[in-house]
Amino acid sequence: MRLNLIPRGPVRSYTFRAGERSGVWFVTKNDAFYGDYLSRGQAIEAACFGARTVEAKGGSARVLTSPGDTLVGHQLVASSPRAAGGRS
């Protein structure tokens, strides 16, 4: 039996950034508009969800937020209620 491996391209890397302008929170993905949000928490949650989606498809991602492009941990911890499918 012979296996043919499918060649994969380079791993794509994405940066999600959450920031605030005139009272509206926004998220960008590689400097392109991703979405507007009513709160900082919603913006960070959306950016983290986007980053996890990218990683689930084989890419790499990071999430940054203001002030100063602070790195945000976006992976779910297995012991958290949200990771187990519950609400937090």
Protein backbone atom coordinates (compact mmCIF):
# COMPACT_ATOMS: atom_id res chain seq x y z
CA MET A 1 0.00 0.00 0.00
CA ARG A 2 1.39 3.37 -0.98
CA LEU A 3 0.48 6.63 0.75
CA ASN A 4 0.57 9.89 -1.12
CA LEU A 5 1.06 12.85 1.16
CA ILE A 6 -0.66 16.06 0.19
CA PRO A 7 1.80 18.94 0.33
CA ARG A 8 0.77 21.77 2.61
CA GLY A 9 1.62 25.39 2.08
CA PRO A 10 3.26 27.57 4.69
CA VAL A 11 1.38 28.06 7.95
CA ARG A 12 -0.63 31.26 7.77
CA SER A 13 -0.22 33.66 10.66
CA TYR A 14 -2.92 36.12 11.73
CA THR A 15 -3.03 38.97 14.22
CA PHE A 16 -6.36 39.97 15.74
CA ARG A 17 -6.34 43.41 17.35
CA ALA A 18 -9.05 44.87 19.63
CA GLY A 19 -9.19 48.63 20.10
CA GLU A 20 -11.54 51.49 20.91
CA ARG A 21 -12.42 54.55 18.88
CA SER A 22 -15.08 57.13 19.84
CA GLY A 23 -16.68 54.75 22.35
CA VAL A 24 -16.97 51.85 19.88
CA TRP A 25 -14.81 48.77 20.25
CA PHE A 26 -13.54 47.20 17.03
CA VAL A 27 -11.52 44.16 15.98
CA THR A 28 -9.21 43.85 13.00
CA LYS A 29 -7.70 40.73 11.47
CA ASN A 30 -4.32 41.48 9.87
CA ASP A 31 -5.31 45.17 9.84
CA ALA A 32 -8.58 44.51 7.95
CA PHE A 33 -11.96 45.21 9.58
CA TYR A 34 -13.38 42.20 11.46
CA GLY A 35 -16.23 43.70 13.52
CA ASP A 36 -17.61 46.44 15.84
CA TYR A 37 -18.64 45.71 19.43
CA LEU A 38 -20.38 47.49 22.29
CA SER A 39 -17.82 46.57 24.96
CA ARG A 40 -14.16 45.68 25.39
CA GLY A 41 -15.15 42.22 26.62
CA GLN A 42 -17.23 41.49 23.52
CA ALA A 43 -14.41 42.66 21.25
CA ILE A 44 -11.81 40.51 22.99
CA GLU A 45 -14.13 37.49 23.02
CA ALA A 46 -14.73 37.86 19.26
CA ALA A 47 -11.00 38.24 18.57
CA CYS A 48 -10.23 35.15 20.67
CA PHE A 49 -12.92 33.14 18.89
CA GLY A 50 -11.46 34.19 15.53
CA ALA A 51 -7.96 33.20 16.65
CA ARG A 52 -9.12 29.78 17.85
CA THR A 53 -10.92 29.25 14.53
CA VAL A 54 -7.73 30.04 12.61
CA GLU A 55 -5.77 27.61 14.77
CA ALA A 56 -8.40 24.88 14.33
CA LYS A 57 -7.81 25.18 10.57
CA GLY A 58 -4.04 24.76 10.95
CA GLY A 59 -2.96 28.41 11.06
CA SER A 60 -1.38 30.40 13.85
CA ALA A 61 -2.88 33.44 15.54
CA ARG A 62 -2.36 35.95 18.29
CA VAL A 63 -4.71 38.46 19.92
CA LEU A 64 -3.60 41.94 20.93
CA THR A 65 -5.56 44.67 22.69
CA SER A 66 -5.03 48.27 23.68
CA PRO A 67 -3.36 49.86 25.47
CA GLY A 68 0.02 49.10 23.99
CA ASP A 69 -0.82 45.95 22.03
CA THR A 70 -1.10 43.79 25.15
CA LEU A 71 -1.02 40.08 24.28
CA VAL A 72 -4.21 38.21 25.24
CA GLY A 73 -4.27 34.46 25.92
CA HIS A 74 -7.00 33.12 23.63
CA GLN A 75 -6.85 29.35 24.14
CA LEU A 76 -9.61 27.81 26.23
CA VAL A 77 -8.52 26.02 29.38
CA ALA A 78 -9.99 22.51 29.47
CA SER A 79 -11.22 22.92 33.05
CA SER A 80 -13.20 26.11 32.31
CA PRO A 81 -17.01 25.88 32.01
CA ARG A 82 -16.92 27.45 28.54
CA ALA A 83 -14.45 24.85 27.26
CA ALA A 84 -16.77 22.12 28.51
CA GLY A 85 -19.66 23.63 26.55
CA GLY A 86 -21.26 25.39 29.51
CA ARG A 87 -21.91 29.05 30.18
CA SER A 88 -19.67 31.17 32.34
